[in-house]
Structures are given as C-alpha cells and as structure tokens.
C-alpha cells in the first residue's frame, strides 16, 4: 500500500481503532464500577465466575443449615427451661415430703402439706407438657421416636440427639405425693425412692440437653465463621477495586475526549482558534483618540492617554505599501 493514498486514510483508521479500544475499556470499567464486581459474569472471566458460583452455592447451603439449627436451638432452649423449672419444683416438693415424713404432725397439718404437694406435682406436669416449640415437644412420652436428627452443615451432614419421656420418668414417680403418709413419704426420700429418682433423672437430662444445646450453638458459630471466610475469599476473587477503577475511568474519559477533535468545548459563535481573525473584526479595532481640548466621549480615550496599539495580522492579510 502506498504511503500517501487518496482512497485509504491510514491515520484515520489507526485513530478509529484506538478510539474503539478506549470505548471498550471504558465500557468494561463502567461495568465494574456499577456492579462492584471485577467478574460479574462468565464473559469477564469464565473460570473465576465458575468458582465464584460454586462458593456462592456453598454459602447459601450453609446459611440454610444454620436456619434449621436455629430452630433446633429454640427447641432445646425451651426444653432446658422446662427441665430447670421441673428441678426447682422438685426441690420444693422435697421440702414438703420431709414434713410429711414427720410422724409428729397432726392430721390437719398432714392434709395441708398434701395439698401443697398436689399443686407442686401439677406444676411439674404442666412444665413438661408445655415444653413444645414449633409443634414439637421432646419431653412428651407420646412422641413415637425419641431420636431427633437435624442437618448441621451445607453438605447435608446430620446431628442426632435423643428426647426424653419426662412424664413417665419424672412426673409419674411423684404424681401421688398428695396422698403419701409418713411412711411412704420417708420411703420416697431414700436412695432409689420416688423423690430422689425424679430429681436424679431431671438433673441427668438437664446435663444431656445442655450438652446438645452447646453443640448446636458451637455449630451455628462455626457455620457463621465459615461463611465469613468464604465471603472474604469470594470478594478477593471477583470484587473490583473501586479506587483503582475510578481512577482508570477518569483516565479513559480523557483519552476518549482526546480522540474526538471536534469535542473541544468553546462558546457558541466563537471563532475557531485555528482560523485567522480578520482585520475588520472588533478584535483589531483601536479606540480613536480625542482631539486636544475636546471632551472624551464614551468609547474614546483622552489624547494624552492614548498609546498606539500594534496589532499583528496574518501574513495573508497584510496590505502592500503600493496599494495603500
């Protein structure tokens, strides 16, 4: 191809290619700033986008598992609250049974203590029956199975814990305390007796359910920490550096504007800086001095203050001396 061609403007082609490249980079930079992602879709970086989507799926699964663990946490907290109240009530019942075991009390006193024992056993039954959460009570002996299973992480791994038949193992043993005589009350206080067994069973289950609750709490905390770590890694992989992108955006905008010669800003009606100014224009007019003794009208300068102005005109507009 000849260096100087009428049909092909090589310089314009190079300029257009450069301008198109700048426009493409500007579009990509604006996309990063508007989305906040360096990799917003597979077109930006297919491999990184695939990894990011996989990690996002893992985060969503772990978050779902934490939601289920939250429900189990509520169930165990209610169960522990129920057993705590049962234990407190059994302590009160034990003090009443000690009085019932005293053979020196009168019949009226015995009746009064038996009435108190009746209300305390009613409390114990109510605490056990009211230990439900979201329609489930793991202290209710009517539950068909005592095994409970919950998903603990995003991979579907489960955690199992057992319920407890508290009505059978705690309440039924002391439910007849309102009719105990001195002898039966004394027997209930011995090792292996009804009161001692009920208290022991309650404390054992408090320990068990407390351990279950601690495991669930620890798993929830770990899942949150894991999701935070995954979010951090995901951000390092696909997030955009907004400070860097903003600086790049300004640079590209300047490059794009420089690639358009016609985009130079000037006031409407102003002459092109590249064009010469005619001698007849207002820019070349010089104020006419006033005559001596004549007042200076508006637009004229005093004669003694007048200094001739030298105006340079383009060579093409200089008038030869022979034609003046």
Protein backbone atom coordinates (compact mmCIF):
# COMPACT_ATOMS: atom_id res chain seq x y z
CA UNK A 1 0.00 0.00 0.00
CA UNK A 2 1.40 3.47 -0.88
CA UNK A 3 2.26 5.77 1.96
CA UNK A 4 0.07 8.53 0.54
CA UNK A 5 -3.26 7.21 -0.71
CA UNK A 6 -6.37 9.02 -1.87
CA UNK A 7 -8.65 6.05 -1.17
CA UNK A 8 -7.26 4.87 2.17
CA UNK A 9 -6.66 7.09 5.18
CA UNK A 10 -4.33 5.01 7.30
CA UNK A 11 -4.05 7.63 10.02
CA UNK A 12 -7.82 7.79 10.40
CA UNK A 13 -8.02 4.01 10.62
CA UNK A 14 -5.42 3.91 13.38
CA UNK A 15 -7.18 6.71 15.23
CA UNK A 16 -10.52 4.89 14.94
CA UNK A 17 -9.03 1.65 16.23
CA UNK A 18 -7.55 3.46 19.19
CA UNK A 19 -10.85 5.20 19.87
CA UNK A 20 -12.79 1.92 19.71
CA UNK A 21 -10.31 0.29 22.09
CA UNK A 22 -10.73 3.16 24.53
CA UNK A 23 -14.52 2.89 24.28
CA UNK A 24 -14.39 -0.86 25.02
CA UNK A 25 -12.14 -0.33 28.03
CA UNK A 26 -14.40 2.47 29.23
CA UNK A 27 -17.46 0.22 28.98
CA UNK A 28 -15.71 -2.53 30.96
CA UNK A 29 -14.59 -0.08 33.64
CA UNK A 30 -18.06 1.43 33.98
CA UNK A 31 -19.47 -2.09 34.37
CA UNK A 32 -17.03 -2.86 37.19
CA UNK A 33 -17.92 0.35 38.99
CA UNK A 34 -21.68 -0.05 38.57
CA UNK A 35 -21.74 -3.72 39.67
CA UNK A 36 -18.86 -3.65 42.13
CA UNK A 37 -17.51 -6.86 40.59
CA UNK A 38 -14.39 -7.44 38.59
CA UNK A 39 -16.03 -10.68 37.44
CA UNK A 40 -19.76 -10.01 37.07
CA UNK A 41 -20.50 -12.80 34.60
CA UNK A 42 -18.83 -15.58 32.65
CA UNK A 43 -17.77 -13.18 29.89
CA UNK A 44 -15.45 -11.35 32.27
CA UNK A 45 -13.59 -14.46 33.44
CA UNK A 46 -15.22 -17.84 32.91
CA UNK A 47 -13.02 -19.82 35.31
CA UNK A 48 -13.25 -17.29 38.14
CA UNK A 49 -17.01 -16.96 37.63
CA UNK A 50 -17.45 -20.76 37.86
CA UNK A 51 -15.50 -20.86 41.13
CA UNK A 52 -17.48 -17.91 42.48
CA UNK A 53 -20.82 -19.54 41.68
CA UNK A 54 -19.74 -22.77 43.38
CA UNK A 55 -18.69 -20.87 46.51
CA UNK A 56 -21.94 -18.88 46.48
CA UNK A 57 -23.85 -22.15 46.40
CA UNK A 58 -21.90 -23.45 49.39
CA UNK A 59 -22.58 -20.25 51.31
CA UNK A 60 -26.29 -20.46 50.56
CA UNK A 61 -26.41 -24.10 51.68
CA UNK A 62 -24.58 -23.34 54.93
CA UNK A 63 -26.92 -20.43 55.61
CA UNK A 64 -29.89 -22.75 55.09
CA UNK A 65 -28.40 -25.28 57.53
CA UNK A 66 -27.93 -22.52 60.09
CA UNK A 67 -31.59 -21.61 59.78
CA UNK A 68 -32.52 -25.21 60.65
CA UNK A 69 -30.05 -25.25 63.52
CA UNK A 70 -31.68 -22.07 64.79
CA UNK A 71 -34.98 -23.92 65.05
CA UNK A 72 -33.34 -26.77 66.98
CA UNK A 73 -31.64 -24.23 69.26
CA UNK A 74 -35.06 -22.81 70.12
CA UNK A 75 -36.42 -26.31 70.82
CA UNK A 76 -33.51 -27.20 73.12
CA UNK A 77 -33.65 -23.86 74.93
CA UNK A 78 -37.35 -24.38 75.67
CA UNK A 79 -36.64 -27.96 76.83
CA UNK A 80 -33.87 -26.77 79.16
CA UNK A 81 -36.14 -24.08 80.56
CA UNK A 82 -38.81 -26.70 81.23
CA UNK A 83 -36.41 -29.08 82.97
CA UNK A 84 -34.94 -26.24 85.01
CA UNK A 85 -38.39 -25.39 86.34
CA UNK A 86 -39.14 -29.06 86.98
CA UNK A 87 -35.93 -29.34 89.01
CA UNK A 88 -36.76 -26.22 91.04
CA UNK A 89 -40.25 -27.55 91.75
CA UNK A 90 -38.89 -30.94 92.79
CA UNK A 91 -36.70 -29.21 95.36
CA UNK A 92 -39.77 -27.51 96.80
CA UNK A 93 -41.64 -30.82 96.74
CA UNK A 94 -38.82 -32.48 98.62
CA UNK A 95 -39.13 -29.98 101.47
CA UNK A 96 -42.85 -30.75 101.72
CA UNK A 97 -42.22 -34.52 101.65
CA UNK A 98 -39.76 -34.13 104.52
CA UNK A 99 -42.57 -32.57 106.57
CA UNK A 100 -44.96 -35.35 105.53
CA UNK A 101 -42.45 -37.92 106.75
CA UNK A 102 -42.60 -36.42 110.23
CA UNK A 103 -44.91 -38.61 112.32
CA UNK A 104 -45.40 -35.89 114.93
CA UNK A 105 -47.53 -33.61 112.77
CA UNK A 106 -51.28 -33.51 113.19
CA UNK A 107 -53.79 -34.77 110.65
CA UNK A 108 -54.71 -31.21 109.69
CA UNK A 109 -51.09 -30.36 109.06
CA UNK A 110 -50.67 -33.51 107.02
CA UNK A 111 -53.66 -32.54 104.87
CA UNK A 112 -52.24 -29.08 104.33
CA UNK A 113 -48.86 -30.49 103.25
CA UNK A 114 -50.56 -32.97 100.96
CA UNK A 115 -52.48 -30.13 99.31
CA UNK A 116 -49.23 -28.26 98.71
CA UNK A 117 -47.67 -31.41 97.26
CA UNK A 118 -50.66 -31.75 94.92
CA UNK A 119 -50.15 -28.27 93.45
CA UNK A 120 -46.41 -28.82 93.06
CA UNK A 121 -46.92 -32.06 91.14
CA UNK A 122 -49.46 -30.28 88.94
CA UNK A 123 -46.79 -27.67 88.20
CA UNK A 124 -44.33 -30.39 87.22
CA UNK A 125 -46.80 -31.94 84.78
CA UNK A 126 -47.61 -28.54 83.27
CA UNK A 127 -43.93 -27.68 82.77
CA UNK A 128 -43.37 -30.95 80.91
CA UNK A 129 -46.47 -30.70 78.74
CA UNK A 130 -45.81 -27.06 77.85
CA UNK A 131 -42.23 -27.67 76.65
CA UNK A 132 -43.25 -27.55 72.98
CA UNK A 133 -41.56 -25.47 70.28
CA UNK A 134 -42.92 -25.16 66.76
CA UNK A 135 -45.34 -28.00 67.43
CA UNK A 136 -42.70 -30.41 68.81
CA UNK A 137 -42.14 -31.48 72.41
CA UNK A 138 -39.16 -33.76 73.04
CA UNK A 139 -40.19 -34.31 76.69
CA UNK A 140 -43.57 -35.73 75.72
CA UNK A 141 -43.73 -39.51 76.03
CA UNK A 142 -46.29 -39.66 73.23
CA UNK A 143 -43.51 -38.99 70.71
CA UNK A 144 -43.24 -42.11 68.52
CA UNK A 145 -39.46 -41.97 68.48
CA UNK A 146 -37.08 -40.26 70.83
CA UNK A 147 -34.35 -39.84 68.18
CA UNK A 148 -34.13 -36.41 66.57
CA UNK A 149 -31.95 -35.57 63.57
CA UNK A 150 -31.02 -32.16 62.17
CA UNK A 151 -28.84 -31.08 59.22
CA UNK A 152 -25.82 -29.26 60.64
CA UNK A 153 -23.95 -28.01 57.55
CA UNK A 154 -24.31 -27.27 53.86
CA UNK A 155 -23.06 -30.73 52.87
CA UNK A 156 -26.12 -32.37 54.45
CA UNK A 157 -24.26 -33.96 57.38
CA UNK A 158 -26.68 -34.57 60.25
CA UNK A 159 -26.56 -34.43 64.05
CA UNK A 160 -28.77 -36.63 66.22
CA UNK A 161 -29.90 -36.32 69.82
CA UNK A 162 -32.48 -38.12 71.93
CA UNK A 163 -35.64 -36.86 73.53
CA UNK A 164 -36.85 -37.94 76.95
CA UNK A 165 -40.11 -39.31 78.34
CA UNK A 166 -40.28 -36.94 81.28
CA UNK A 167 -43.88 -37.71 82.17
CA UNK A 168 -43.02 -41.39 82.68
CA UNK A 169 -39.61 -40.99 84.30
CA UNK A 170 -40.22 -37.88 86.41
CA UNK A 171 -43.86 -36.96 86.92
CA UNK A 172 -45.37 -40.42 87.34
CA UNK A 173 -42.99 -41.18 90.20
CA UNK A 174 -44.20 -38.23 92.30
CA UNK A 175 -47.75 -37.77 90.99
CA UNK A 176 -49.24 -39.45 94.10
CA UNK A 177 -47.35 -37.29 96.60
CA UNK A 178 -50.61 -35.66 97.71
CA UNK A 179 -51.67 -38.98 99.28
CA UNK A 180 -48.39 -40.01 100.86
CA UNK A 181 -48.42 -40.91 104.51
CA UNK A 182 -45.48 -40.52 106.84
CA UNK A 183 -44.12 -43.95 105.89
CA UNK A 184 -44.45 -43.53 102.12
CA UNK A 185 -43.00 -40.02 102.33
CA UNK A 186 -39.98 -41.34 104.21
CA UNK A 187 -39.50 -44.09 101.60
CA UNK A 188 -39.64 -41.52 98.80
CA UNK A 189 -36.68 -39.70 100.34
CA UNK A 190 -34.38 -42.74 100.47
CA UNK A 191 -31.86 -43.69 97.80
CA UNK A 192 -33.88 -45.11 94.97
CA UNK A 193 -37.03 -43.54 96.33
CA UNK A 194 -39.54 -41.59 94.17
CA UNK A 195 -38.32 -38.11 95.06
CA UNK A 196 -34.63 -38.99 94.84
CA UNK A 197 -35.10 -40.77 91.50
CA UNK A 198 -37.16 -37.93 89.99
CA UNK A 199 -34.54 -35.35 90.97
CA UNK A 200 -31.69 -37.52 89.67
CA UNK A 201 -33.43 -38.12 86.32
CA UNK A 202 -34.16 -34.43 85.91
CA UNK A 203 -30.58 -33.38 86.60
CA UNK A 204 -29.25 -36.03 84.22
CA UNK A 205 -31.47 -34.77 81.42
CA UNK A 206 -30.51 -31.17 82.18
CA UNK A 207 -26.91 -32.20 81.61
CA UNK A 208 -27.80 -34.04 78.38
CA UNK A 209 -29.91 -31.31 76.85
CA UNK A 210 -27.42 -28.67 77.95
CA UNK A 211 -24.74 -30.58 76.03
CA UNK A 212 -26.99 -30.81 72.97
CA UNK A 213 -27.63 -27.07 73.12
CA UNK A 214 -23.90 -26.32 73.43
CA UNK A 215 -23.16 -28.44 70.37
CA UNK A 216 -25.83 -26.61 68.34
CA UNK A 217 -24.56 -23.21 69.50
CA UNK A 218 -20.99 -24.14 68.57
CA UNK A 219 -22.07 -25.42 65.16
CA UNK A 220 -24.01 -22.22 64.43
CA UNK A 221 -20.99 -20.11 65.43
CA UNK A 222 -18.66 -22.19 63.28
CA UNK A 223 -21.00 -22.02 60.28
CA UNK A 224 -21.08 -18.23 60.56
CA UNK A 225 -17.29 -18.06 60.74
CA UNK A 226 -17.02 -20.37 57.75
CA UNK A 227 -19.42 -18.23 55.70
CA UNK A 228 -17.46 -15.10 56.61
CA UNK A 229 -14.26 -16.76 55.43
CA UNK A 230 -15.92 -17.87 52.20
CA UNK A 231 -17.28 -14.38 51.61
CA UNK A 232 -13.78 -12.97 52.08
CA UNK A 233 -12.28 -15.40 49.58
CA UNK A 234 -15.09 -14.75 47.14
CA UNK A 235 -14.54 -11.00 47.40
CA UNK A 236 -10.83 -11.36 46.71
CA UNK A 237 -11.69 -13.40 43.63
CA UNK A 238 -14.42 -11.34 41.97
CA UNK A 239 -14.72 -7.94 43.67
CA UNK A 240 -13.50 -4.82 41.88
CA UNK A 241 -11.01 -2.33 43.34
CA UNK A 242 -13.27 0.71 43.15
CA UNK A 243 -10.49 3.23 43.88
CA UNK A 244 -8.40 1.84 41.04
CA UNK A 245 -11.37 1.59 38.68
CA UNK A 246 -12.48 5.16 39.41
CA UNK A 247 -9.02 6.49 38.57
CA UNK A 248 -8.96 4.40 35.42
CA UNK A 249 -12.40 5.71 34.45
CA UNK A 250 -11.18 9.32 34.57
CA UNK A 251 -8.12 8.41 32.51
CA UNK A 252 -10.18 6.66 29.86
CA UNK A 253 -12.66 9.52 29.68
CA UNK A 254 -9.80 11.91 28.95
CA UNK A 255 -8.41 9.56 26.31
CA UNK A 256 -11.82 9.25 24.71
CA UNK A 257 -12.30 13.01 24.62
CA UNK A 258 -8.85 13.49 23.14
CA UNK A 259 -9.74 11.01 20.42
CA UNK A 260 -12.57 13.30 19.24
CA UNK A 261 -11.03 16.57 17.86
CA UNK A 262 -14.47 18.05 17.44
CA UNK A 263 -15.33 17.71 21.10
CA UNK A 264 -13.22 20.72 22.21
CA UNK A 265 -15.52 22.99 24.18
CA UNK A 266 -15.96 26.62 23.02
CA UNK A 267 -18.62 29.24 23.42
CA UNK A 268 -21.39 29.44 20.79
CA UNK A 269 -20.45 31.79 17.96
CA UNK A 270 -16.78 31.91 18.94
CA UNK A 271 -14.23 31.70 16.15
CA UNK A 272 -12.20 28.57 15.64
CA UNK A 273 -8.77 29.11 17.29
CA UNK A 274 -7.12 27.75 14.14
CA UNK A 275 -8.72 30.41 11.88
CA UNK A 276 -7.11 33.91 11.49
CA UNK A 277 -9.05 36.88 12.80
CA UNK A 278 -9.99 39.41 10.02
CA UNK A 279 -8.63 42.95 10.28
CA UNK A 280 -12.18 44.27 10.25
CA UNK A 281 -13.14 42.35 13.31
CA UNK A 282 -13.71 44.03 16.63
CA UNK A 283 -10.58 42.40 17.97
CA UNK A 284 -8.42 44.67 15.72
CA UNK A 285 -10.25 47.93 16.31
CA UNK A 286 -8.35 50.57 18.24
CA UNK A 287 -10.06 53.36 20.12
CA UNK A 288 -9.82 56.70 18.24
CA UNK A 289 -8.13 59.37 20.32
CA UNK A 290 -9.96 62.54 21.15
CA UNK A 291 -8.65 65.92 19.92
CA UNK A 292 -6.87 68.18 22.34
CA UNK A 293 -9.31 70.29 24.31
CA UNK A 294 -12.23 68.11 23.21
CA UNK A 295 -14.08 66.18 25.91
CA UNK A 296 -13.69 62.44 25.65
CA UNK A 297 -16.95 60.90 24.52
CA UNK A 298 -17.91 57.41 25.50
CA UNK A 299 -15.69 54.90 23.77
CA UNK A 300 -12.75 57.36 23.21
CA UNK A 301 -9.60 57.78 25.17
CA UNK A 302 -8.05 61.11 26.18
CA UNK A 303 -5.36 62.23 23.71
CA UNK A 304 -2.65 62.38 26.34
CA UNK A 305 -3.50 58.86 27.50
CA UNK A 306 -3.53 57.33 24.03
CA UNK A 307 -0.84 54.83 23.20
CA UNK A 308 -0.87 53.36 19.72
CA UNK A 309 -1.57 49.67 19.69
CA UNK A 310 0.37 47.37 17.49
CA UNK A 311 -1.78 44.62 16.09
CA UNK A 312 -0.28 41.66 14.37
CA UNK A 313 -2.23 40.41 11.42
CA UNK A 314 -1.80 37.20 9.47
CA UNK A 315 0.65 37.47 6.50
CA UNK A 316 -2.12 36.74 4.04
CA UNK A 317 -3.98 39.84 5.14
CA UNK A 318 -1.07 42.36 5.10
CA UNK A 319 -1.76 45.18 2.52
CA UNK A 320 1.29 46.06 0.35
CA UNK A 321 2.51 49.68 0.53
CA UNK A 322 1.93 50.28 -3.20
CA UNK A 323 -1.77 49.52 -2.80
CA UNK A 324 -2.38 51.74 0.22
